[in-house]
Amino acid sequence: MSGIALAIPYLDTGADQLSFTLGRSAHPALAVRETRVAGVDVRLRLLGASHQVFAGPVRETVACLPGVAGGLPESAVHEFDDWTYRFGARVRTLSGAAFGAEVERLLARAEASPDALYGVFPGSPHAVTALTVGPDAHGLTWRTWHTYPQSRQIVATHTRLEAR
Protein backbone atom coordinates (compact mmCIF):
# COMPACT_ATOMS: atom_id res chain seq x y z
CA MET A 1 0.00 0.00 0.00
CA SER A 2 1.08 3.54 -0.58
CA GLY A 3 -1.18 6.40 0.44
CA ILE A 4 -0.49 10.13 0.57
CA ALA A 5 -2.18 13.24 1.88
CA LEU A 6 -1.78 15.61 -1.06
CA ALA A 7 -1.07 19.32 -0.76
CA ILE A 8 -2.41 20.44 -4.14
CA PRO A 9 -6.04 20.48 -5.25
CA TYR A 10 -7.25 18.14 -7.96
CA LEU A 11 -7.72 19.59 -11.43
CA ASP A 12 -10.85 17.68 -12.41
CA THR A 13 -14.06 18.49 -10.58
CA GLY A 14 -16.49 15.96 -12.03
CA ALA A 15 -16.74 12.65 -13.83
CA ASP A 16 -17.67 14.29 -17.13
CA GLN A 17 -14.25 15.99 -17.30
CA LEU A 18 -12.33 12.71 -17.38
CA SER A 19 -11.13 11.38 -20.72
CA PHE A 20 -9.64 8.02 -21.67
CA THR A 21 -6.56 7.73 -23.87
CA LEU A 22 -3.94 5.11 -24.65
CA GLY A 23 -0.32 5.70 -25.57
CA ARG A 24 0.20 9.14 -24.00
CA SER A 25 3.58 10.05 -22.59
CA ALA A 26 4.07 10.44 -18.86
CA HIS A 27 2.41 13.51 -17.36
CA PRO A 28 3.85 15.15 -14.24
CA ALA A 29 2.93 12.86 -11.34
CA LEU A 30 2.19 13.66 -7.72
CA ALA A 31 3.26 10.12 -6.78
CA VAL A 32 4.43 6.96 -8.55
CA ARG A 33 4.37 3.35 -7.39
CA GLU A 34 6.51 0.86 -9.33
CA THR A 35 5.89 -2.84 -8.93
CA ARG A 36 6.02 -6.11 -10.85
CA VAL A 37 2.82 -8.14 -11.21
CA ALA A 38 2.45 -11.44 -13.09
CA GLY A 39 5.88 -10.87 -14.65
CA VAL A 40 4.94 -7.40 -15.95
CA ASP A 41 6.54 -4.13 -14.85
CA VAL A 42 3.81 -1.73 -13.70
CA ARG A 43 3.91 1.97 -12.85
CA LEU A 44 0.88 3.40 -11.06
CA ARG A 45 0.92 7.19 -11.50
CA LEU A 46 -1.22 9.57 -9.46
CA LEU A 47 -1.83 12.85 -11.29
CA GLY A 48 -3.40 16.09 -10.16
CA ALA A 49 -5.82 15.43 -13.02
CA SER A 50 -6.37 11.74 -12.10
CA HIS A 51 -4.22 8.72 -13.15
CA GLN A 52 -1.94 6.88 -15.53
CA VAL A 53 -1.06 3.18 -15.50
CA PHE A 54 1.91 1.91 -17.50
CA ALA A 55 1.92 -1.89 -17.70
CA GLY A 56 3.96 -3.77 -20.28
CA PRO A 57 2.98 -2.27 -23.68
CA VAL A 58 0.04 -0.27 -22.25
CA ARG A 59 0.03 3.41 -21.34
CA GLU A 60 -3.47 4.13 -19.99
CA THR A 61 -4.46 7.66 -19.04
CA VAL A 62 -7.76 8.58 -17.40
CA ALA A 63 -7.55 12.28 -16.67
CA CYS A 64 -8.79 15.81 -17.25
CA LEU A 65 -6.54 16.81 -20.16
CA PRO A 66 -6.32 20.18 -21.89
CA GLY A 67 -7.67 19.94 -25.43
CA VAL A 68 -9.17 16.46 -24.93
CA ALA A 69 -12.94 16.17 -24.66
CA GLY A 70 -14.25 14.61 -21.46
CA GLY A 71 -16.25 11.43 -21.32
CA LEU A 72 -15.22 7.85 -20.58
CA PRO A 73 -16.22 4.85 -22.66
CA GLU A 74 -18.21 2.14 -20.88
CA SER A 75 -15.76 -0.32 -22.42
CA ALA A 76 -12.80 -0.52 -24.79
CA VAL A 77 -10.77 -3.44 -26.18
CA HIS A 78 -7.34 -3.18 -27.83
CA GLU A 79 -4.67 -5.63 -28.94
CA PHE A 80 -1.06 -4.92 -27.94
CA ASP A 81 1.67 -7.29 -29.13
CA ASP A 82 0.77 -10.58 -27.41
CA TRP A 83 -1.74 -8.96 -25.04
CA THR A 84 -5.45 -8.22 -25.03
CA TYR A 85 -6.41 -5.07 -23.14
CA ARG A 86 -9.95 -4.62 -21.80
CA PHE A 87 -11.09 -1.40 -20.11
CA GLY A 88 -14.38 -0.55 -18.47
CA ALA A 89 -15.67 2.52 -16.63
CA ARG A 90 -18.72 3.22 -14.51
CA VAL A 91 -19.96 6.41 -12.84
CA ARG A 92 -22.21 6.28 -9.79
CA THR A 93 -23.86 9.13 -7.90
CA LEU A 94 -24.62 8.31 -4.26
CA SER A 95 -26.44 10.00 -1.40
CA GLY A 96 -24.32 11.88 1.16
CA ALA A 97 -24.02 9.12 3.76
CA ALA A 98 -23.68 6.35 1.18
CA PHE A 99 -20.99 8.33 -0.66
CA GLY A 100 -18.87 8.77 2.48
CA ALA A 101 -19.24 5.10 3.44
CA GLU A 102 -18.27 3.95 -0.06
CA VAL A 103 -15.17 6.18 -0.13
CA GLU A 104 -14.13 4.78 3.26
CA ARG A 105 -14.58 1.25 1.89
CA LEU A 106 -12.46 2.08 -1.17
CA LEU A 107 -9.70 3.56 1.02
CA ALA A 108 -9.71 0.42 3.21
CA ARG A 109 -9.45 -1.73 0.08
CA ALA A 110 -6.47 0.29 -1.18
CA GLU A 111 -4.86 0.25 2.26
CA ALA A 112 -5.13 -3.57 2.36
CA SER A 113 -3.73 -4.07 -1.14
CA PRO A 114 -0.01 -4.92 -1.41
CA ASP A 115 0.21 -3.03 -4.72
CA ALA A 116 -1.77 0.19 -4.46
CA LEU A 117 -1.34 3.92 -4.66
CA TYR A 118 -3.83 6.49 -3.47
CA GLY A 119 -4.00 10.14 -2.61
CA VAL A 120 -6.42 12.23 -0.59
CA PHE A 121 -6.76 15.75 -1.95
CA PRO A 122 -7.12 18.80 0.34
CA GLY A 123 -10.55 20.09 1.23
CA SER A 124 -12.29 16.77 1.90
CA PRO A 125 -11.26 13.37 3.24
CA HIS A 126 -13.49 11.97 0.50
CA ALA A 127 -11.66 13.61 -2.44
CA VAL A 128 -9.64 10.56 -3.48
CA THR A 129 -7.88 8.96 -6.40
CA ALA A 130 -6.94 5.32 -5.73
CA LEU A 131 -5.31 2.62 -7.86
CA THR A 132 -4.77 -1.08 -7.15
CA VAL A 133 -3.13 -3.76 -9.30
CA GLY A 134 -2.86 -7.52 -8.96
CA PRO A 135 -2.49 -10.78 -10.86
CA ASP A 136 -5.38 -12.71 -12.34
CA ALA A 137 -5.63 -16.07 -14.10
CA HIS A 138 -4.19 -14.92 -17.45
CA GLY A 139 -2.28 -11.70 -16.69
CA LEU A 140 -3.06 -8.77 -14.47
CA THR A 141 -5.88 -6.44 -13.59
CA TRP A 142 -6.06 -2.97 -12.15
CA ARG A 143 -8.85 -0.92 -10.70
CA THR A 144 -9.08 2.80 -10.09
CA TRP A 145 -11.48 5.08 -8.29
CA HIS A 146 -11.92 8.83 -8.63
CA THR A 147 -14.24 10.42 -6.08
CA TYR A 148 -15.92 13.81 -6.25
CA PRO A 149 -17.44 14.95 -2.93
CA GLN A 150 -19.07 18.06 -4.43
CA SER A 151 -21.27 15.92 -6.72
CA ARG A 152 -21.03 12.66 -4.70
CA GLN A 153 -19.85 10.86 -7.84
CA ILE A 154 -17.51 7.88 -7.91
CA VAL A 155 -15.84 6.89 -11.16
CA ALA A 156 -14.64 3.29 -11.08
CA THR A 157 -12.48 1.78 -13.81
CA HIS A 158 -11.48 -1.84 -14.28
CA THR A 159 -8.74 -2.92 -16.68
CA ARG A 160 -7.55 -6.43 -17.56
CA LEU A 161 -4.36 -7.15 -19.49
CA GLU A 162 -4.35 -10.78 -20.65
CA ALA A 163 -1.66 -12.75 -22.48
CA ARG A 164 -2.95 -14.19 -25.77
C-alpha atoms as a PDB file:
ATOM      1  CA  MET A   1       0.000   0.000   0.000  1.00  0.00           C
ATOM      2  CA  SER A   2       1.079   3.541  -0.585  1.00  0.00           C
ATOM      3  CA  GLY A   3      -1.184   6.402   0.440  1.00  0.00           C
ATOM      4  CA  ILE A   4      -0.494  10.134   0.568  1.00  0.00           C
ATOM      5  CA  ALA A   5      -2.182  13.242   1.884  1.00  0.00           C
ATOM      6  CA  LEU A   6      -1.785  15.605  -1.056  1.00  0.00           C
ATOM      7  CA  ALA A   7      -1.072  19.316  -0.762  1.00  0.00           C
ATOM      8  CA  ILE A   8      -2.407  20.437  -4.139  1.00  0.00           C
ATOM      9  CA  PRO A   9      -6.045  20.475  -5.246  1.00  0.00           C
ATOM     10  CA  TYR A  10      -7.249  18.144  -7.963  1.00  0.00           C
ATOM     11  CA  LEU A  11      -7.717  19.592 -11.430  1.00  0.00           C
ATOM     12  CA  ASP A  12     -10.849  17.681 -12.406  1.00  0.00           C
ATOM     13  CA  THR A  13     -14.064  18.491 -10.578  1.00  0.00           C
ATOM     14  CA  GLY A  14     -16.486  15.956 -12.027  1.00  0.00           C
ATOM     15  CA  ALA A  15     -16.739  12.650 -13.833  1.00  0.00           C
ATOM     16  CA  ASP A  16     -17.668  14.293 -17.132  1.00  0.00           C
ATOM     17  CA  GLN A  17     -14.250  15.992 -17.295  1.00  0.00           C
ATOM     18  CA  LEU A  18     -12.330  12.712 -17.375  1.00  0.00           C
ATOM     19  CA  SER A  19     -11.134  11.377 -20.718  1.00  0.00           C
ATOM     20  CA  PHE A  20      -9.640   8.024 -21.668  1.00  0.00           C
ATOM     21  CA  THR A  21      -6.561   7.728 -23.866  1.00  0.00           C
ATOM     22  CA  LEU A  22      -3.941   5.106 -24.648  1.00  0.00           C
ATOM     23  CA  GLY A  23      -0.316   5.700 -25.568  1.00  0.00           C
ATOM     24  CA  ARG A  24       0.199   9.135 -23.997  1.00  0.00           C
ATOM     25  CA  SER A  25       3.579  10.050 -22.587  1.00  0.00           C
ATOM     26  CA  ALA A  26       4.071  10.440 -18.859  1.00  0.00           C
ATOM     27  CA  HIS A  27       2.413  13.510 -17.356  1.00  0.00           C
ATOM     28  CA  PRO A  28       3.851  15.150 -14.238  1.00  0.00           C
ATOM     29  CA  ALA A  29       2.933  12.864 -11.344  1.00  0.00           C
ATOM     30  CA  LEU A  30       2.194  13.662  -7.720  1.00  0.00           C
ATOM     31  CA  ALA A  31       3.265  10.124  -6.779  1.00  0.00           C
ATOM     32  CA  VAL A  32       4.430   6.964  -8.546  1.00  0.00           C
ATOM     33  CA  ARG A  33       4.366   3.354  -7.394  1.00  0.00           C
ATOM     34  CA  GLU A  34       6.506   0.862  -9.330  1.00  0.00           C
ATOM     35  CA  THR A  35       5.893  -2.839  -8.931  1.00  0.00           C
ATOM     36  CA  ARG A  36       6.024  -6.114 -10.846  1.00  0.00           C
ATOM     37  CA  VAL A  37       2.819  -8.136 -11.210  1.00  0.00           C
ATOM     38  CA  ALA A  38       2.448 -11.437 -13.087  1.00  0.00           C
ATOM     39  CA  GLY A  39       5.878 -10.866 -14.645  1.00  0.00           C
ATOM     40  CA  VAL A  40       4.935  -7.402 -15.954  1.00  0.00           C
ATOM     41  CA  ASP A  41       6.537  -4.133 -14.851  1.00  0.00           C
ATOM     42  CA  VAL A  42       3.813  -1.731 -13.700  1.00  0.00           C
ATOM     43  CA  ARG A  43       3.908   1.970 -12.848  1.00  0.00           C
ATOM     44  CA  LEU A  44       0.881   3.404 -11.064  1.00  0.00           C
ATOM     45  CA  ARG A  45       0.924   7.191 -11.504  1.00  0.00           C
ATOM     46  CA  LEU A  46      -1.221   9.565  -9.463  1.00  0.00           C
ATOM     47  CA  LEU A  47      -1.834  12.851 -11.294  1.00  0.00           C
ATOM     48  CA  GLY A  48      -3.404  16.092 -10.160  1.00  0.00           C
ATOM     49  CA  ALA A  49      -5.817  15.429 -13.022  1.00  0.00           C
ATOM     50  CA  SER A  50      -6.374  11.737 -12.100  1.00  0.00           C
ATOM     51  CA  HIS A  51      -4.216   8.718 -13.146  1.00  0.00           C
ATOM     52  CA  GLN A  52      -1.935   6.884 -15.528  1.00  0.00           C
ATOM     53  CA  VAL A  53      -1.056   3.182 -15.496  1.00  0.00           C
ATOM     54  CA  PHE A  54       1.910   1.913 -17.499  1.00  0.00           C
ATOM     55  CA  ALA A  55       1.923  -1.889 -17.698  1.00  0.00           C
ATOM     56  CA  GLY A  56       3.955  -3.769 -20.280  1.00  0.00           C
ATOM     57  CA  PRO A  57       2.979  -2.274 -23.684  1.00  0.00           C
ATOM     58  CA  VAL A  58       0.045  -0.275 -22.249  1.00  0.00           C
ATOM     59  CA  ARG A  59       0.029   3.413 -21.335  1.00  0.00           C
ATOM     60  CA  GLU A  60      -3.469   4.127 -19.990  1.00  0.00           C
ATOM     61  CA  THR A  61      -4.459   7.659 -19.038  1.00  0.00           C
ATOM     62  CA  VAL A  62      -7.757   8.583 -17.395  1.00  0.00           C
ATOM     63  CA  ALA A  63      -7.547  12.282 -16.669  1.00  0.00           C
ATOM     64  CA  CYS A  64      -8.792  15.807 -17.253  1.00  0.00           C
ATOM     65  CA  LEU A  65      -6.536  16.806 -20.159  1.00  0.00           C
ATOM     66  CA  PRO A  66      -6.323  20.177 -21.893  1.00  0.00           C
ATOM     67  CA  GLY A  67      -7.666  19.943 -25.426  1.00  0.00           C
ATOM     68  CA  VAL A  68      -9.166  16.457 -24.932  1.00  0.00           C
ATOM     69  CA  ALA A  69     -12.945  16.171 -24.659  1.00  0.00           C
ATOM     70  CA  GLY A  70     -14.253  14.612 -21.461  1.00  0.00           C
ATOM     71  CA  GLY A  71     -16.248  11.427 -21.318  1.00  0.00           C
ATOM     72  CA  LEU A  72     -15.220   7.854 -20.584  1.00  0.00           C
ATOM     73  CA  PRO A  73     -16.220   4.848 -22.664  1.00  0.00           C
ATOM     74  CA  GLU A  74     -18.207   2.144 -20.883  1.00  0.00           C
ATOM     75  CA  SER A  75     -15.758  -0.319 -22.424  1.00  0.00           C
ATOM     76  CA  ALA A  76     -12.802  -0.524 -24.787  1.00  0.00           C
ATOM     77  CA  VAL A  77     -10.765  -3.441 -26.175  1.00  0.00           C
ATOM     78  CA  HIS A  78      -7.337  -3.180 -27.828  1.00  0.00           C
ATOM     79  CA  GLU A  79      -4.668  -5.630 -28.944  1.00  0.00           C
ATOM     80  CA  PHE A  80      -1.057  -4.923 -27.935  1.00  0.00           C
ATOM     81  CA  ASP A  81       1.668  -7.285 -29.127  1.00  0.00           C
ATOM     82  CA  ASP A  82       0.769 -10.584 -27.411  1.00  0.00           C
ATOM     83  CA  TRP A  83      -1.741  -8.964 -25.038  1.00  0.00           C
ATOM     84  CA  THR A  84      -5.448  -8.219 -25.034  1.00  0.00           C
ATOM     85  CA  TYR A  85      -6.407  -5.069 -23.145  1.00  0.00           C
ATOM     86  CA  ARG A  86      -9.951  -4.619 -21.798  1.00  0.00           C
ATOM     87  CA  PHE A  87     -11.090  -1.401 -20.112  1.00  0.00           C
ATOM     88  CA  GLY A  88     -14.383  -0.550 -18.467  1.00  0.00           C
ATOM     89  CA  ALA A  89     -15.670   2.525 -16.626  1.00  0.00           C
ATOM     90  CA  ARG A  90     -18.720   3.219 -14.514  1.00  0.00           C
ATOM     91  CA  VAL A  91     -19.960   6.409 -12.839  1.00  0.00           C
ATOM     92  CA  ARG A  92     -22.207   6.281  -9.788  1.00  0.00           C
ATOM     93  CA  THR A  93     -23.860   9.129  -7.895  1.00  0.00           C
ATOM     94  CA  LEU A  94     -24.617   8.314  -4.257  1.00  0.00           C
ATOM     95  CA  SER A  95     -26.436   9.996  -1.396  1.00  0.00           C
ATOM     96  CA  GLY A  96     -24.316  11.885   1.160  1.00  0.00           C
ATOM     97  CA  ALA A  97     -24.022   9.124   3.758  1.00  0.00           C
ATOM     98  CA  ALA A  98     -23.683   6.349   1.175  1.00  0.00           C
ATOM     99  CA  PHE A  99     -20.987   8.334  -0.658  1.00  0.00           C
ATOM    100  CA  GLY A 100     -18.874   8.765   2.477  1.00  0.00           C
ATOM    101  CA  ALA A 101     -19.243   5.100   3.436  1.00  0.00           C
ATOM    102  CA  GLU A 102     -18.266   3.948  -0.060  1.00  0.00           C
ATOM    103  CA  VAL A 103     -15.171   6.178  -0.128  1.00  0.00           C
ATOM    104  CA  GLU A 104     -14.126   4.783   3.260  1.00  0.00           C
ATOM    105  CA  ARG A 105     -14.576   1.247   1.889  1.00  0.00           C
ATOM    106  CA  LEU A 106     -12.455   2.076  -1.166  1.00  0.00           C
ATOM    107  CA  LEU A 107      -9.701   3.561   1.020  1.00  0.00           C
ATOM    108  CA  ALA A 108      -9.706   0.420   3.206  1.00  0.00           C
ATOM    109  CA  ARG A 109      -9.447  -1.731   0.077  1.00  0.00           C
ATOM    110  CA  ALA A 110      -6.467   0.288  -1.181  1.00  0.00           C
ATOM    111  CA  GLU A 111      -4.860   0.245   2.257  1.00  0.00           C
ATOM    112  CA  ALA A 112      -5.125  -3.566   2.365  1.00  0.00           C
ATOM    113  CA  SER A 113      -3.726  -4.067  -1.144  1.00  0.00           C
ATOM    114  CA  PRO A 114      -0.012  -4.918  -1.406  1.00  0.00           C
ATOM    115  CA  ASP A 115       0.210  -3.027  -4.721  1.00  0.00           C
ATOM    116  CA  ALA A 116      -1.767   0.192  -4.456  1.00  0.00           C
ATOM    117  CA  LEU A 117      -1.343   3.925  -4.656  1.00  0.00           C
ATOM    118  CA  TYR A 118      -3.827   6.488  -3.475  1.00  0.00           C
ATOM    119  CA  GLY A 119      -4.004  10.140  -2.608  1.00  0.00           C
ATOM    120  CA  VAL A 120      -6.422  12.230  -0.589  1.00  0.00           C
ATOM    121  CA  PHE A 121      -6.759  15.749  -1.948  1.00  0.00           C
ATOM    122  CA  PRO A 122      -7.122  18.798   0.337  1.00  0.00           C
ATOM    123  CA  GLY A 123     -10.553  20.093   1.233  1.00  0.00           C
ATOM    124  CA  SER A 124     -12.291  16.774   1.898  1.00  0.00           C
ATOM    125  CA  PRO A 125     -11.256  13.372   3.245  1.00  0.00           C
ATOM    126  CA  HIS A 126     -13.490  11.968   0.503  1.00  0.00           C
ATOM    127  CA  ALA A 127     -11.655  13.608  -2.444  1.00  0.00           C
ATOM    128  CA  VAL A 128      -9.640  10.556  -3.476  1.00  0.00           C
ATOM    129  CA  THR A 129      -7.883   8.960  -6.401  1.00  0.00           C
ATOM    130  CA  ALA A 130      -6.941   5.317  -5.728  1.00  0.00           C
ATOM    131  CA  LEU A 131      -5.306   2.618  -7.863  1.00  0.00           C
ATOM    132  CA  THR A 132      -4.768  -1.081  -7.151  1.00  0.00           C
ATOM    133  CA  VAL A 133      -3.135  -3.757  -9.303  1.00  0.00           C
ATOM    134  CA  GLY A 134      -2.859  -7.522  -8.963  1.00  0.00           C
ATOM    135  CA  PRO A 135      -2.487 -10.776 -10.858  1.00  0.00           C
ATOM    136  CA  ASP A 136      -5.376 -12.705 -12.341  1.00  0.00           C
ATOM    137  CA  ALA A 137      -5.635 -16.066 -14.098  1.00  0.00           C
ATOM    138  CA  HIS A 138      -4.187 -14.917 -17.445  1.00  0.00           C
ATOM    139  CA  GLY A 139      -2.284 -11.705 -16.693  1.00  0.00           C
ATOM    140  CA  LEU A 140      -3.062  -8.771 -14.472  1.00  0.00           C
ATOM    141  CA  THR A 141      -5.881  -6.443 -13.587  1.00  0.00           C
ATOM    142  CA  TRP A 142      -6.064  -2.969 -12.147  1.00  0.00           C
ATOM    143  CA  ARG A 143      -8.850  -0.918 -10.698  1.00  0.00           C
ATOM    144  CA  THR A 144      -9.078   2.796 -10.094  1.00  0.00           C
ATOM    145  CA  TRP A 145     -11.485   5.080  -8.289  1.00  0.00           C
ATOM    146  CA  HIS A 146     -11.916   8.829  -8.627  1.00  0.00           C
ATOM    147  CA  THR A 147     -14.239  10.421  -6.080  1.00  0.00           C
ATOM    148  CA  TYR A 148     -15.921  13.811  -6.246  1.00  0.00           C
ATOM    149  CA  PRO A 149     -17.443  14.954  -2.933  1.00  0.00           C
ATOM    150  CA  GLN A 150     -19.074  18.060  -4.426  1.00  0.00           C
ATOM    151  CA  SER A 151     -21.269  15.919  -6.721  1.00  0.00           C
ATOM    152  CA  ARG A 152     -21.034  12.656  -4.700  1.00  0.00           C
ATOM    153  CA  GLN A 153     -19.850  10.860  -7.843  1.00  0.00           C
ATOM    154  CA  ILE A 154     -17.512   7.877  -7.910  1.00  0.00           C
ATOM    155  CA  VAL A 155     -15.840   6.888 -11.158  1.00  0.00           C
ATOM    156  CA  ALA A 156     -14.638   3.288 -11.083  1.00  0.00           C
ATOM    157  CA  THR A 157     -12.485   1.776 -13.813  1.00  0.00           C
ATOM    158  CA  HIS A 158     -11.484  -1.836 -14.283  1.00  0.00           C
ATOM    159  CA  THR A 159      -8.742  -2.920 -16.680  1.00  0.00           C
ATOM    160  CA  ARG A 160      -7.548  -6.432 -17.558  1.00  0.00           C
ATOM    161  CA  LEU A 161      -4.358  -7.145 -19.494  1.00  0.00           C
ATOM    162  CA  GLU A 162      -4.348 -10.780 -20.651  1.00  0.00           C
ATOM    163  CA  ALA A 163      -1.662 -12.751 -22.482  1.00  0.00           C
ATOM    164  CA  ARG A 164      -2.953 -14.193 -25.766  1.00  0.00           C
END
